[in-house]
Amino acid sequence: MEVEVWDTYVKRENGKIMNFDILVPTGVNDEQTIFDFGNDYLKTKPFKTKPIASKECRICHIENATDEMIASITKKGYHILELKNCN
């Protein structure tokens, strides 16, 4: 399965910048849907953040999904790859 990788940056309440990727199946390219996925993920965090906006979330590239990514996408419609300041 190929996935689109949306590189996302969000400011935390403590001033740190979170960086994570939102991975969705190719063809899912409605920005609001992608932002909704990212905001759902942010709701799982114990700290507050700014909402996701188009200038902080952009399609970066397409790659082949791993089994873990496919399982997450099958369950939720998306997969999050945490990169920096996500915990």
N, C-alpha and C. Protein backbone atom coordinates (compact mmCIF):
# COMPACT_ATOMS: atom_id res chain seq x y z
N MET A 1 0.84 -1.17 0.00
CA MET A 1 0.00 0.00 0.00
C MET A 1 0.89 1.24 0.00
N GLU A 2 0.57 2.19 -0.85
CA GLU A 2 1.28 3.46 -0.84
C GLU A 2 0.50 4.46 0.00
N VAL A 3 1.24 5.30 0.72
CA VAL A 3 0.62 6.31 1.57
C VAL A 3 1.21 7.68 1.26
N GLU A 4 0.37 8.70 1.44
CA GLU A 4 0.83 10.07 1.36
C GLU A 4 1.28 10.48 2.75
N VAL A 5 2.41 11.15 2.81
CA VAL A 5 2.98 11.60 4.08
C VAL A 5 2.79 13.11 4.18
N TRP A 6 2.04 13.53 5.20
CA TRP A 6 1.79 14.94 5.46
C TRP A 6 2.66 15.36 6.63
N ASP A 7 3.68 16.17 6.34
CA ASP A 7 4.62 16.65 7.36
C ASP A 7 3.92 17.76 8.15
N THR A 8 3.85 17.60 9.48
CA THR A 8 3.04 18.47 10.31
C THR A 8 3.84 19.03 11.48
N TYR A 9 3.68 20.33 11.71
CA TYR A 9 4.30 21.03 12.83
C TYR A 9 3.21 21.74 13.62
N VAL A 10 3.23 21.58 14.94
CA VAL A 10 2.23 22.21 15.80
C VAL A 10 2.92 22.74 17.05
N LYS A 11 2.56 23.96 17.44
CA LYS A 11 3.15 24.55 18.64
C LYS A 11 2.42 24.06 19.88
N ARG A 12 3.20 23.59 20.85
CA ARG A 12 2.67 23.16 22.15
C ARG A 12 2.53 24.36 23.07
N GLU A 13 1.74 24.20 24.15
CA GLU A 13 1.53 25.29 25.10
C GLU A 13 2.83 25.75 25.78
N ASN A 14 3.83 24.88 25.85
CA ASN A 14 5.11 25.24 26.48
C ASN A 14 6.08 25.88 25.48
N GLY A 15 5.62 26.10 24.26
CA GLY A 15 6.44 26.76 23.24
C GLY A 15 7.21 25.82 22.34
N LYS A 16 7.33 24.55 22.73
CA LYS A 16 8.02 23.58 21.88
C LYS A 16 7.19 23.32 20.62
N ILE A 17 7.90 22.99 19.56
CA ILE A 17 7.24 22.66 18.30
C ILE A 17 7.22 21.15 18.13
N MET A 18 6.02 20.60 18.01
CA MET A 18 5.87 19.16 17.72
C MET A 18 6.05 18.96 16.22
N ASN A 19 6.63 17.85 15.85
CA ASN A 19 6.74 17.46 14.45
C ASN A 19 6.31 16.00 14.34
N PHE A 20 5.30 15.76 13.51
CA PHE A 20 4.84 14.40 13.27
C PHE A 20 4.31 14.32 11.85
N ASP A 21 4.25 13.10 11.35
CA ASP A 21 3.70 12.86 10.01
C ASP A 21 2.33 12.22 10.14
N ILE A 22 1.41 12.68 9.30
CA ILE A 22 0.10 12.04 9.18
C ILE A 22 0.15 11.25 7.88
N LEU A 23 -0.02 9.93 7.98
CA LEU A 23 0.04 9.08 6.80
C LEU A 23 -1.36 8.60 6.45
N VAL A 24 -1.72 8.77 5.19
CA VAL A 24 -3.04 8.37 4.70
C VAL A 24 -2.86 7.64 3.38
N PRO A 25 -3.84 6.79 3.01
CA PRO A 25 -3.74 6.13 1.71
C PRO A 25 -3.70 7.16 0.58
N THR A 26 -2.96 6.86 -0.47
CA THR A 26 -2.94 7.77 -1.61
C THR A 26 -4.37 7.96 -2.09
N GLY A 27 -4.67 9.16 -2.49
CA GLY A 27 -6.02 9.48 -2.94
C GLY A 27 -6.84 10.18 -1.87
N VAL A 28 -6.44 10.05 -0.60
CA VAL A 28 -7.11 10.80 0.46
C VAL A 28 -6.35 12.11 0.57
N ASN A 29 -6.86 13.14 -0.11
CA ASN A 29 -6.10 14.38 -0.17
C ASN A 29 -6.92 15.61 0.19
N ASP A 30 -8.08 15.41 0.81
CA ASP A 30 -8.86 16.54 1.29
C ASP A 30 -8.19 17.10 2.55
N GLU A 31 -7.74 18.36 2.47
CA GLU A 31 -6.99 18.94 3.59
C GLU A 31 -7.76 18.88 4.90
N GLN A 32 -9.05 19.17 4.89
CA GLN A 32 -9.81 19.18 6.13
C GLN A 32 -9.83 17.79 6.76
N THR A 33 -9.94 16.75 5.94
CA THR A 33 -9.89 15.37 6.45
C THR A 33 -8.55 15.10 7.12
N ILE A 34 -7.47 15.52 6.47
CA ILE A 34 -6.13 15.33 7.02
C ILE A 34 -5.99 16.09 8.34
N PHE A 35 -6.46 17.35 8.37
CA PHE A 35 -6.38 18.15 9.60
C PHE A 35 -7.21 17.50 10.70
N ASP A 36 -8.38 16.96 10.37
CA ASP A 36 -9.21 16.27 11.36
C ASP A 36 -8.48 15.07 11.95
N PHE A 37 -7.79 14.30 11.10
CA PHE A 37 -6.99 13.17 11.59
C PHE A 37 -5.93 13.68 12.57
N GLY A 38 -5.22 14.72 12.20
CA GLY A 38 -4.18 15.27 13.06
C GLY A 38 -4.74 15.81 14.37
N ASN A 39 -5.87 16.49 14.29
CA ASN A 39 -6.47 17.02 15.52
C ASN A 39 -7.00 15.91 16.42
N ASP A 40 -7.49 14.82 15.83
CA ASP A 40 -7.88 13.65 16.64
C ASP A 40 -6.68 13.11 17.40
N TYR A 41 -5.55 13.02 16.73
CA TYR A 41 -4.32 12.57 17.37
C TYR A 41 -3.92 13.52 18.50
N LEU A 42 -3.99 14.82 18.25
CA LEU A 42 -3.59 15.80 19.26
C LEU A 42 -4.46 15.71 20.51
N LYS A 43 -5.70 15.31 20.37
CA LYS A 43 -6.59 15.16 21.53
C LYS A 43 -6.12 14.05 22.47
N THR A 44 -5.27 13.16 22.00
CA THR A 44 -4.77 12.06 22.84
C THR A 44 -3.60 12.51 23.72
N LYS A 45 -3.11 13.70 23.50
CA LYS A 45 -1.94 14.19 24.23
C LYS A 45 -2.36 14.86 25.53
N PRO A 46 -1.53 14.76 26.58
CA PRO A 46 -1.88 15.35 27.88
C PRO A 46 -1.63 16.86 27.95
N PHE A 47 -1.15 17.45 26.88
CA PHE A 47 -0.86 18.88 26.85
C PHE A 47 -1.67 19.55 25.73
N LYS A 48 -1.80 20.86 25.83
CA LYS A 48 -2.55 21.62 24.82
C LYS A 48 -1.64 22.03 23.68
N THR A 49 -2.25 22.16 22.51
CA THR A 49 -1.52 22.62 21.32
C THR A 49 -2.41 23.59 20.55
N LYS A 50 -1.80 24.27 19.62
CA LYS A 50 -2.57 25.07 18.66
C LYS A 50 -3.21 24.09 17.68
N PRO A 51 -4.31 24.48 17.03
CA PRO A 51 -4.90 23.59 16.02
C PRO A 51 -4.02 23.54 14.77
N ILE A 52 -4.21 22.50 14.00
CA ILE A 52 -3.44 22.33 12.76
C ILE A 52 -3.98 23.28 11.70
N ALA A 53 -3.08 23.91 10.96
CA ALA A 53 -3.46 24.80 9.87
C ALA A 53 -2.66 24.43 8.62
N SER A 54 -3.10 24.92 7.49
CA SER A 54 -2.48 24.52 6.22
C SER A 54 -1.00 24.89 6.14
N LYS A 55 -0.59 25.99 6.77
CA LYS A 55 0.82 26.35 6.68
C LYS A 55 1.71 25.44 7.50
N GLU A 56 1.12 24.68 8.43
CA GLU A 56 1.90 23.76 9.26
C GLU A 56 1.77 22.30 8.85
N CYS A 57 0.94 22.03 7.86
CA CYS A 57 0.69 20.64 7.46
C CYS A 57 0.63 20.56 5.94
N ARG A 58 1.61 19.91 5.35
CA ARG A 58 1.68 19.82 3.88
C ARG A 58 2.11 18.42 3.46
N ILE A 59 1.59 18.04 2.28
CA ILE A 59 2.03 16.76 1.75
C ILE A 59 3.51 16.85 1.42
N CYS A 60 4.23 15.84 1.83
CA CYS A 60 5.68 15.83 1.68
C CYS A 60 6.11 14.86 0.57
N HIS A 61 5.64 13.62 0.67
CA HIS A 61 6.02 12.61 -0.31
C HIS A 61 5.09 11.40 -0.19
N ILE A 62 5.31 10.43 -1.05
CA ILE A 62 4.57 9.17 -1.04
C ILE A 62 5.57 8.06 -0.77
N GLU A 63 5.18 7.10 0.09
CA GLU A 63 6.07 5.98 0.38
C GLU A 63 5.24 4.71 0.56
N ASN A 64 5.93 3.58 0.61
CA ASN A 64 5.26 2.30 0.87
C ASN A 64 5.04 2.15 2.37
N ALA A 65 3.85 1.73 2.74
CA ALA A 65 3.50 1.57 4.15
C ALA A 65 4.06 0.27 4.71
N THR A 66 4.41 0.32 6.00
CA THR A 66 4.82 -0.88 6.72
C THR A 66 3.56 -1.61 7.20
N ASP A 67 3.72 -2.80 7.72
CA ASP A 67 2.58 -3.54 8.26
C ASP A 67 1.91 -2.78 9.41
N GLU A 68 2.71 -2.15 10.27
CA GLU A 68 2.17 -1.36 11.39
C GLU A 68 1.32 -0.20 10.87
N MET A 69 1.81 0.49 9.84
CA MET A 69 1.07 1.61 9.26
C MET A 69 -0.25 1.13 8.65
N ILE A 70 -0.20 0.03 7.94
CA ILE A 70 -1.40 -0.52 7.30
C ILE A 70 -2.43 -0.90 8.36
N ALA A 71 -2.00 -1.50 9.46
CA ALA A 71 -2.93 -1.88 10.53
C ALA A 71 -3.60 -0.64 11.12
N SER A 72 -2.83 0.41 11.35
CA SER A 72 -3.38 1.65 11.90
C SER A 72 -4.35 2.30 10.92
N ILE A 73 -3.99 2.35 9.65
CA ILE A 73 -4.84 2.94 8.62
C ILE A 73 -6.13 2.14 8.48
N THR A 74 -6.04 0.84 8.55
CA THR A 74 -7.24 -0.01 8.47
C THR A 74 -8.18 0.26 9.63
N LYS A 75 -7.61 0.50 10.81
CA LYS A 75 -8.41 0.72 12.01
C LYS A 75 -8.98 2.14 12.09
N LYS A 76 -8.14 3.16 11.83
CA LYS A 76 -8.53 4.55 12.05
C LYS A 76 -8.66 5.40 10.79
N GLY A 77 -8.09 4.92 9.68
CA GLY A 77 -8.09 5.72 8.46
C GLY A 77 -6.79 6.47 8.24
N TYR A 78 -5.93 6.47 9.27
CA TYR A 78 -4.65 7.18 9.19
C TYR A 78 -3.64 6.55 10.15
N HIS A 79 -2.39 6.96 9.99
CA HIS A 79 -1.33 6.53 10.91
C HIS A 79 -0.50 7.77 11.25
N ILE A 80 -0.08 7.87 12.50
CA ILE A 80 0.78 8.98 12.92
C ILE A 80 2.18 8.45 13.18
N LEU A 81 3.14 9.14 12.62
CA LEU A 81 4.55 8.84 12.86
C LEU A 81 5.11 10.01 13.67
N GLU A 82 5.36 9.79 14.95
CA GLU A 82 5.87 10.85 15.83
C GLU A 82 7.35 11.08 15.55
N LEU A 83 7.74 12.34 15.38
CA LEU A 83 9.12 12.66 15.06
C LEU A 83 9.82 13.45 16.15
N LYS A 84 9.21 14.54 16.64
CA LYS A 84 9.92 15.40 17.60
C LYS A 84 8.93 16.08 18.54
N ASN A 85 9.25 16.07 19.85
CA ASN A 85 8.48 16.75 20.89
C ASN A 85 7.01 16.32 20.95
N CYS A 86 6.77 15.05 20.72
CA CYS A 86 5.40 14.53 20.71
C CYS A 86 4.97 13.95 22.06
N ASN A 87 5.89 13.82 22.98
CA ASN A 87 5.58 13.29 24.30
C ASN A 87 6.07 14.20 25.40
